[in-house]
Each structure stands twice: as structure tokens, then as C-alpha cells.
Amino acid sequence: MNYIDSPQIAPTFQSNSRAEDGQLDCSRWSGLCEGVLIPLGSLFAVFLLMLGVMLITT
């Protein structure tokens, strides 16, 4: 395999899919998952955590 030095590549985002995997059929779903659903899920988890803290302290 030929590897390119990393300064030549300008990465735009980090993904779990690799170049060796080839073109995925569900790349649109994967992009939606990484770009929208995971951040929204994280915000919802933080919201639930803060709600739980508020309910415990009152």
C-alpha cells in the first residue's frame, strides 16, 4: 500500500468509515447519523442529566 503524508491531506471531518471499506451504500444515512443524530442525542442526554439533577436537589 502507498501512504500519503498527512500534511498533504486536509481532513474535513472524522468518520468511522475507512477508504479500504469502499463506497458504502448507506453513506447518506451514515452522514446523517454522524452529523445530526449523534449531536442531538448528546444534547438530549445532557438535558436529561440536568433535569435529573434539578429533580434530585429539590
PDB file of N, CA and C in Angstrom:
ATOM      1  N   MET A   1       0.832  -1.192   0.000  1.00  0.00           N
ATOM      2  CA  MET A   1       0.000   0.000   0.000  1.00  0.00           C
ATOM      3  C   MET A   1       0.869   1.246   0.000  1.00  0.00           C
ATOM      4  N   ASN A   2       0.409   2.233  -0.694  1.00  0.00           N
ATOM      5  CA  ASN A   2       1.107   3.508  -0.710  1.00  0.00           C
ATOM      6  C   ASN A   2       0.378   4.474   0.211  1.00  0.00           C
ATOM      7  N   TYR A   3       1.110   5.069   1.099  1.00  0.00           N
ATOM      8  CA  TYR A   3       0.522   6.013   2.034  1.00  0.00           C
ATOM      9  C   TYR A   3       0.984   7.424   1.690  1.00  0.00           C
ATOM     10  N   ILE A   4       0.093   8.388   1.871  1.00  0.00           N
ATOM     11  CA  ILE A   4       0.402   9.793   1.606  1.00  0.00           C
ATOM     12  C   ILE A   4       0.674  10.464   2.943  1.00  0.00           C
ATOM     13  N   ASP A   5       1.674  11.343   2.972  1.00  0.00           N
ATOM     14  CA  ASP A   5       1.955  12.086   4.198  1.00  0.00           C
ATOM     15  C   ASP A   5       0.741  12.917   4.580  1.00  0.00           C
ATOM     16  N   SER A   6       0.469  12.981   5.878  1.00  0.00           N
ATOM     17  CA  SER A   6      -0.737  13.661   6.343  1.00  0.00           C
ATOM     18  C   SER A   6      -0.784  15.156   6.049  1.00  0.00           C
ATOM     19  N   PRO A   7       0.337  15.908   5.948  1.00  0.00           N
ATOM     20  CA  PRO A   7       0.195  17.332   5.615  1.00  0.00           C
ATOM     21  C   PRO A   7      -0.392  17.575   4.230  1.00  0.00           C
ATOM     22  N   GLN A   8      -0.363  16.568   3.356  1.00  0.00           N
ATOM     23  CA  GLN A   8      -0.925  16.748   2.025  1.00  0.00           C
ATOM     24  C   GLN A   8      -2.440  16.605   2.017  1.00  0.00           C
ATOM     25  N   ILE A   9      -2.990  16.057   3.065  1.00  0.00           N
ATOM     26  CA  ILE A   9      -4.425  15.811   3.126  1.00  0.00           C
ATOM     27  C   ILE A   9      -5.040  16.801   4.107  1.00  0.00           C
ATOM     28  N   ALA A  10      -6.118  17.449   3.689  1.00  0.00           N
ATOM     29  CA  ALA A  10      -6.836  18.367   4.576  1.00  0.00           C
ATOM     30  C   ALA A  10      -8.140  17.698   4.990  1.00  0.00           C
ATOM     31  N   PRO A  11      -8.167  17.029   6.145  1.00  0.00           N
ATOM     32  CA  PRO A  11      -9.392  16.333   6.545  1.00  0.00           C
ATOM     33  C   PRO A  11     -10.488  17.326   6.920  1.00  0.00           C
ATOM     34  N   THR A  12     -11.705  17.026   6.482  1.00  0.00           N
ATOM     35  CA  THR A  12     -12.824  17.910   6.801  1.00  0.00           C
ATOM     36  C   THR A  12     -13.617  17.394   7.994  1.00  0.00           C
ATOM     37  N   PHE A  13     -13.690  16.084   8.157  1.00  0.00           N
ATOM     38  CA  PHE A  13     -14.373  15.522   9.311  1.00  0.00           C
ATOM     39  C   PHE A  13     -13.804  14.148   9.597  1.00  0.00           C
ATOM     40  N   GLN A  14     -14.037  13.684  10.798  1.00  0.00           N
ATOM     41  CA  GLN A  14     -13.561  12.366  11.185  1.00  0.00           C
ATOM     42  C   GLN A  14     -14.717  11.388  11.056  1.00  0.00           C
ATOM     43  N   SER A  15     -14.472  10.283  10.428  1.00  0.00           N
ATOM     44  CA  SER A  15     -15.522   9.314  10.190  1.00  0.00           C
ATOM     45  C   SER A  15     -15.047   7.929  10.599  1.00  0.00           C
ATOM     46  N   ASN A  16     -16.000   7.068  10.904  1.00  0.00           N
ATOM     47  CA  ASN A  16     -15.663   5.696  11.247  1.00  0.00           C
ATOM     48  C   ASN A  16     -15.423   4.847  10.003  1.00  0.00           C
ATOM     49  N   SER A  17     -15.885   5.297   8.841  1.00  0.00           N
ATOM     50  CA  SER A  17     -15.674   4.531   7.617  1.00  0.00           C
ATOM     51  C   SER A  17     -14.268   4.775   7.092  1.00  0.00           C
ATOM     52  N   ARG A  18     -13.677   3.728   6.553  1.00  0.00           N
ATOM     53  CA  ARG A  18     -12.310   3.808   6.051  1.00  0.00           C
ATOM     54  C   ARG A  18     -12.311   3.704   4.536  1.00  0.00           C
ATOM     55  N   ALA A  19     -11.223   4.138   3.928  1.00  0.00           N
ATOM     56  CA  ALA A  19     -11.105   4.064   2.473  1.00  0.00           C
ATOM     57  C   ALA A  19     -11.063   2.613   2.006  1.00  0.00           C
ATOM     58  N   GLU A  20     -10.544   1.712   2.851  1.00  0.00           N
ATOM     59  CA  GLU A  20     -10.463   0.308   2.467  1.00  0.00           C
ATOM     60  C   GLU A  20     -11.840  -0.339   2.380  1.00  0.00           C
ATOM     61  N   ASP A  21     -12.835   0.263   3.046  1.00  0.00           N
ATOM     62  CA  ASP A  21     -14.179  -0.308   3.024  1.00  0.00           C
ATOM     63  C   ASP A  21     -14.867  -0.082   1.685  1.00  0.00           C
ATOM     64  N   GLY A  22     -14.381   0.835   0.885  1.00  0.00           N
ATOM     65  CA  GLY A  22     -15.011   1.143  -0.387  1.00  0.00           C
ATOM     66  C   GLY A  22     -16.184   2.082  -0.193  1.00  0.00           C
ATOM     67  N   GLN A  23     -16.903   2.314  -1.282  1.00  0.00           N
ATOM     68  CA  GLN A  23     -18.062   3.199  -1.219  1.00  0.00           C
ATOM     69  C   GLN A  23     -19.207   2.457  -0.547  1.00  0.00           C
ATOM     70  N   LEU A  24     -19.724   3.031   0.500  1.00  0.00           N
ATOM     71  CA  LEU A  24     -20.817   2.397   1.225  1.00  0.00           C
ATOM     72  C   LEU A  24     -22.146   2.772   0.590  1.00  0.00           C
ATOM     73  N   ASP A  25     -23.076   1.828   0.586  1.00  0.00           N
ATOM     74  CA  ASP A  25     -24.397   2.104   0.028  1.00  0.00           C
ATOM     75  C   ASP A  25     -25.191   3.052   0.914  1.00  0.00           C
ATOM     76  N   CYS A  26     -24.932   3.012   2.211  1.00  0.00           N
ATOM     77  CA  CYS A  26     -25.708   3.825   3.147  1.00  0.00           C
ATOM     78  C   CYS A  26     -24.894   5.033   3.602  1.00  0.00           C
ATOM     79  N   SER A  27     -24.121   5.620   2.691  1.00  0.00           N
ATOM     80  CA  SER A  27     -23.274   6.747   3.089  1.00  0.00           C
ATOM     81  C   SER A  27     -24.109   7.955   3.476  1.00  0.00           C
ATOM     82  N   ARG A  28     -25.264   8.136   2.846  1.00  0.00           N
ATOM     83  CA  ARG A  28     -26.131   9.264   3.199  1.00  0.00           C
ATOM     84  C   ARG A  28     -26.665   9.067   4.623  1.00  0.00           C
ATOM     85  N   TRP A  29     -27.072   7.843   4.966  1.00  0.00           N
ATOM     86  CA  TRP A  29     -27.569   7.563   6.314  1.00  0.00           C
ATOM     87  C   TRP A  29     -26.445   7.715   7.334  1.00  0.00           C
ATOM     88  N   SER A  30     -25.243   7.292   6.983  1.00  0.00           N
ATOM     89  CA  SER A  30     -24.102   7.413   7.883  1.00  0.00           C
ATOM     90  C   SER A  30     -23.772   8.878   8.128  1.00  0.00           C
ATOM     91  N   GLY A  31     -23.819   9.683   7.079  1.00  0.00           N
ATOM     92  CA  GLY A  31     -23.563  11.117   7.239  1.00  0.00           C
ATOM     93  C   GLY A  31     -24.615  11.779   8.090  1.00  0.00           C
ATOM     94  N   LEU A  32     -25.870  11.380   7.897  1.00  0.00           N
ATOM     95  CA  LEU A  32     -26.954  11.931   8.718  1.00  0.00           C
ATOM     96  C   LEU A  32     -26.771  11.527  10.169  1.00  0.00           C
ATOM     97  N   CYS A  33     -26.361  10.287  10.378  1.00  0.00           N
ATOM     98  CA  CYS A  33     -26.167   9.792  11.736  1.00  0.00           C
ATOM     99  C   CYS A  33     -25.051  10.554  12.432  1.00  0.00           C
ATOM    100  N   GLU A  34     -23.906  10.703  11.758  1.00  0.00           N
ATOM    101  CA  GLU A  34     -22.766  11.367  12.387  1.00  0.00           C
ATOM    102  C   GLU A  34     -22.983  12.863  12.523  1.00  0.00           C
ATOM    103  N   GLY A  35     -23.709  13.467  11.584  1.00  0.00           N
ATOM    104  CA  GLY A  35     -23.842  14.919  11.584  1.00  0.00           C
ATOM    105  C   GLY A  35     -25.011  15.451  12.363  1.00  0.00           C
ATOM    106  N   VAL A  36     -26.078  14.662  12.504  1.00  0.00           N
ATOM    107  CA  VAL A  36     -27.308  15.184  13.104  1.00  0.00           C
ATOM    108  C   VAL A  36     -27.737  14.370  14.316  1.00  0.00           C
ATOM    109  N   LEU A  37     -27.885  13.062  14.141  1.00  0.00           N
ATOM    110  CA  LEU A  37     -28.493  12.256  15.199  1.00  0.00           C
ATOM    111  C   LEU A  37     -27.605  12.118  16.425  1.00  0.00           C
ATOM    112  N   ILE A  38     -26.321  11.948  16.243  1.00  0.00           N
ATOM    113  CA  ILE A  38     -25.424  11.804  17.393  1.00  0.00           C
ATOM    114  C   ILE A  38     -25.325  13.102  18.191  1.00  0.00           C
ATOM    115  N   PRO A  39     -25.151  14.281  17.547  1.00  0.00           N
ATOM    116  CA  PRO A  39     -25.164  15.519  18.350  1.00  0.00           C
ATOM    117  C   PRO A  39     -26.494  15.765  19.052  1.00  0.00           C
ATOM    118  N   LEU A  40     -27.618  15.477  18.378  1.00  0.00           N
ATOM    119  CA  LEU A  40     -28.915  15.655  19.032  1.00  0.00           C
ATOM    120  C   LEU A  40     -29.082  14.688  20.198  1.00  0.00           C
ATOM    121  N   GLY A  41     -28.607  13.474  20.032  1.00  0.00           N
ATOM    122  CA  GLY A  41     -28.669  12.514  21.129  1.00  0.00           C
ATOM    123  C   GLY A  41     -27.820  12.945  22.308  1.00  0.00           C
ATOM    124  N   SER A  42     -26.667  13.531  22.026  1.00  0.00           N
ATOM    125  CA  SER A  42     -25.809  14.022  23.105  1.00  0.00           C
ATOM    126  C   SER A  42     -26.466  15.183  23.842  1.00  0.00           C
ATOM    127  N   LEU A  43     -27.077  16.098  23.099  1.00  0.00           N
ATOM    128  CA  LEU A  43     -27.775  17.217  23.745  1.00  0.00           C
ATOM    129  C   LEU A  43     -28.943  16.719  24.587  1.00  0.00           C
ATOM    130  N   PHE A  44     -29.673  15.725  24.087  1.00  0.00           N
ATOM    131  CA  PHE A  44     -30.793  15.173  24.842  1.00  0.00           C
ATOM    132  C   PHE A  44     -30.306  14.487  26.113  1.00  0.00           C
ATOM    133  N   ALA A  45     -29.163  13.806  26.042  1.00  0.00           N
ATOM    134  CA  ALA A  45     -28.605  13.162  27.232  1.00  0.00           C
ATOM    135  C   ALA A  45     -28.198  14.197  28.271  1.00  0.00           C
ATOM    136  N   VAL A  46     -27.607  15.307  27.829  1.00  0.00           N
ATOM    137  CA  VAL A  46     -27.235  16.373  28.761  1.00  0.00           C
ATOM    138  C   VAL A  46     -28.486  16.990  29.375  1.00  0.00           C
ATOM    139  N   PHE A  47     -29.529  17.181  28.560  1.00  0.00           N
ATOM    140  CA  PHE A  47     -30.790  17.717  29.073  1.00  0.00           C
ATOM    141  C   PHE A  47     -31.383  16.799  30.143  1.00  0.00           C
ATOM    142  N   LEU A  48     -31.385  15.496  29.887  1.00  0.00           N
ATOM    143  CA  LEU A  48     -31.916  14.558  30.880  1.00  0.00           C
ATOM    144  C   LEU A  48     -31.073  14.557  32.149  1.00  0.00           C
ATOM    145  N   LEU A  49     -29.763  14.676  32.008  1.00  0.00           N
ATOM    146  CA  LEU A  49     -28.884  14.724  33.173  1.00  0.00           C
ATOM    147  C   LEU A  49     -29.183  15.956  34.022  1.00  0.00           C
ATOM    148  N   MET A  50     -29.317  17.107  33.380  1.00  0.00           N
ATOM    149  CA  MET A  50     -29.607  18.335  34.128  1.00  0.00           C
ATOM    150  C   MET A  50     -30.993  18.274  34.763  1.00  0.00           C
ATOM    151  N   LEU A  51     -31.955  17.690  34.060  1.00  0.00           N
ATOM    152  CA  LEU A  51     -33.293  17.540  34.632  1.00  0.00           C
ATOM    153  C   LEU A  51     -33.254  16.630  35.852  1.00  0.00           C
ATOM    154  N   GLY A  52     -32.490  15.559  35.780  1.00  0.00           N
ATOM    155  CA  GLY A  52     -32.361  14.666  36.926  1.00  0.00           C
ATOM    156  C   GLY A  52     -31.696  15.348  38.105  1.00  0.00           C
ATOM    157  N   VAL A  53     -30.675  16.152  37.852  1.00  0.00           N
ATOM    158  CA  VAL A  53     -30.005  16.886  38.931  1.00  0.00           C
ATOM    159  C   VAL A  53     -30.967  17.875  39.571  1.00  0.00           C
ATOM    160  N   MET A  54     -31.763  18.558  38.754  1.00  0.00           N
ATOM    161  CA  MET A  54     -32.729  19.521  39.295  1.00  0.00           C
ATOM    162  C   MET A  54     -33.787  18.828  40.142  1.00  0.00           C
ATOM    163  N   LEU A  55     -34.236  17.656  39.708  1.00  0.00           N
ATOM    164  CA  LEU A  55     -35.261  16.945  40.470  1.00  0.00           C
ATOM    165  C   LEU A  55     -34.704  16.388  41.773  1.00  0.00           C
ATOM    166  N   ILE A  56     -33.449  15.965  41.776  1.00  0.00           N
ATOM    167  CA  ILE A  56     -32.849  15.415  42.992  1.00  0.00           C
ATOM    168  C   ILE A  56     -32.612  16.514  44.022  1.00  0.00           C
ATOM    169  N   THR A  57     -32.178  17.686  43.576  1.00  0.00           N
ATOM    170  CA  THR A  57     -31.824  18.749  44.524  1.00  0.00           C
ATOM    171  C   THR A  57     -33.039  19.461  45.100  1.00  0.00           C
ATOM    172  N   THR A  58     -34.220  19.289  44.512  1.00  0.00           N
ATOM    173  CA  THR A  58     -35.405  19.972  45.064  1.00  0.00           C
ATOM    174  C   THR A  58     -36.155  19.089  46.015  1.00  0.00           C
TER     175      THR A  58
END
